[in-house]
Amino acid sequence: MHIELEPARELVAARAAAARTILQDAGAPNYAEIEMGFSLAGDPGRYAFILQRCAKLTPHQARVQAEERAAAAETERDQLRAELDQRSRRASDHQEG
C-alpha cells in the first residue's frame, strides 16, 4: 500500500486535530482514555484508545511521582521528629541536672 505524500500529510494533520479536540473536549491537558464499540467484519467488541500528549505525564506517572514525594516527606518528618525528641530530652536533662 502506498499513499502519496500530500494525502498522507492531510491524514496526519486530521489525526492531530482529532487528538487535540478529544483532549480539549475531555478537559484533559495531556491524557484521555476513550472506550468505543465497533463491529469489524461481524466481530463486535469494545476497544479502549489511549491518547497522550508527548512529554506529559499520564495519571499513573503523576500518581507514582506524588507517592514518591509523599514517602520522602514522611521520611523527613520522621527524622525531624526524632531530632526534636532528642533535643527535648537533652534540654530536659540539662534543666534537671
Protein backbone atom coordinates (compact mmCIF):
# COMPACT_ATOMS: atom_id res chain seq x y z
CA MET A 1 0.00 0.00 0.00
CA HIS A 2 1.31 3.43 -0.92
CA ILE A 3 -0.17 6.83 -0.19
CA GLU A 4 1.08 9.95 -1.89
CA LEU A 5 2.82 12.46 0.39
CA GLU A 6 0.16 15.18 0.36
CA PRO A 7 -2.79 12.91 1.27
CA ALA A 8 -0.60 11.27 3.92
CA ARG A 9 0.16 14.68 5.45
CA GLU A 10 -3.54 15.53 5.40
CA LEU A 11 -4.34 12.27 7.23
CA VAL A 12 -1.72 13.01 9.88
CA ALA A 13 -2.99 16.59 10.27
CA ALA A 14 -6.57 15.30 10.65
CA ARG A 15 -5.46 12.82 13.33
CA ALA A 16 -3.58 15.55 15.21
CA ALA A 17 -6.63 17.82 15.05
CA ALA A 18 -8.84 14.97 16.28
CA ALA A 19 -6.45 14.27 19.17
CA ARG A 20 -6.39 17.94 20.18
CA THR A 21 -10.20 18.10 20.02
CA ILE A 22 -10.60 14.96 22.15
CA LEU A 23 -8.25 16.30 24.83
CA GLN A 24 -9.92 19.73 24.83
CA ASP A 25 -13.45 18.32 24.95
CA ALA A 26 -12.46 15.97 27.80
CA GLY A 27 -10.92 18.88 29.69
CA ALA A 28 -7.75 16.81 29.83
CA PRO A 29 -4.50 18.71 29.35
CA ASN A 30 -2.41 15.68 28.48
CA TYR A 31 -4.23 12.34 28.64
CA ALA A 32 -7.56 10.79 27.71
CA GLU A 33 -8.86 7.27 27.51
CA ILE A 34 -11.74 6.69 25.10
CA GLU A 35 -13.75 3.49 25.05
CA MET A 36 -15.77 2.68 21.94
CA GLY A 37 -17.68 -0.21 20.48
CA PHE A 38 -17.00 -1.33 16.94
CA SER A 39 -18.13 -4.15 14.77
CA LEU A 40 -15.35 -5.17 12.46
CA ALA A 41 -16.12 -7.87 9.94
CA GLY A 42 -19.05 -9.02 12.05
CA ASP A 43 -16.92 -9.23 15.20
CA PRO A 44 -18.39 -6.77 17.69
CA GLY A 45 -16.19 -5.61 20.51
CA ARG A 46 -15.25 -2.73 22.76
CA TYR A 47 -11.90 -1.08 22.48
CA ALA A 48 -10.04 1.46 24.59
CA PHE A 49 -7.94 4.11 22.93
CA ILE A 50 -5.38 5.98 24.97
CA LEU A 51 -4.35 9.41 23.85
CA GLN A 52 -1.38 11.09 25.49
CA ARG A 53 0.49 14.28 24.68
CA CYS A 54 4.19 13.66 24.25
CA ALA A 55 6.41 14.75 27.14
CA LYS A 56 3.45 14.94 29.54
CA LEU A 57 2.61 12.67 32.47
CA THR A 58 -0.06 10.00 32.42
CA PRO A 59 -2.26 9.77 35.52
CA HIS A 60 -0.26 6.71 36.59
CA GLN A 61 3.07 8.52 36.24
CA ALA A 62 1.73 11.52 38.17
CA ARG A 63 0.47 9.24 40.96
CA VAL A 64 3.83 7.46 41.19
CA GLN A 65 5.63 10.80 41.46
CA ALA A 66 3.19 12.00 44.12
CA GLU A 67 3.66 8.78 46.10
CA GLU A 68 7.44 9.20 45.92
CA ARG A 69 7.18 12.82 47.14
CA ALA A 70 4.87 11.74 49.97
CA ALA A 71 7.25 8.96 51.05
CA ALA A 72 10.20 11.38 51.04
CA ALA A 73 8.21 13.92 53.07
CA GLU A 74 7.21 11.26 55.61
CA THR A 75 10.83 10.15 55.97
CA GLU A 76 11.93 13.75 56.52
CA ARG A 77 9.10 14.29 59.02
CA ASP A 78 10.15 11.21 60.98
CA GLN A 79 13.78 12.36 61.02
CA LEU A 80 12.79 15.83 62.23
CA ARG A 81 10.56 14.38 64.94
CA ALA A 82 13.39 12.16 66.17
CA GLU A 83 15.76 15.13 66.21
CA LEU A 84 13.20 17.24 68.08
CA ASP A 85 12.67 14.46 70.63
CA GLN A 86 16.43 14.22 71.15
CA ARG A 87 16.75 17.95 71.67
CA SER A 88 13.79 17.97 74.06
CA ARG A 89 15.35 15.17 76.11
CA ARG A 90 18.71 16.99 76.25
CA ALA A 91 17.01 20.21 77.34
CA SER A 92 15.03 18.34 79.98
CA ASP A 93 18.17 16.56 81.24
CA HIS A 94 20.04 19.87 81.33
CA GLN A 95 17.28 21.51 83.42
CA GLU A 96 17.17 18.59 85.84
CA GLY A 97 20.93 18.31 86.20
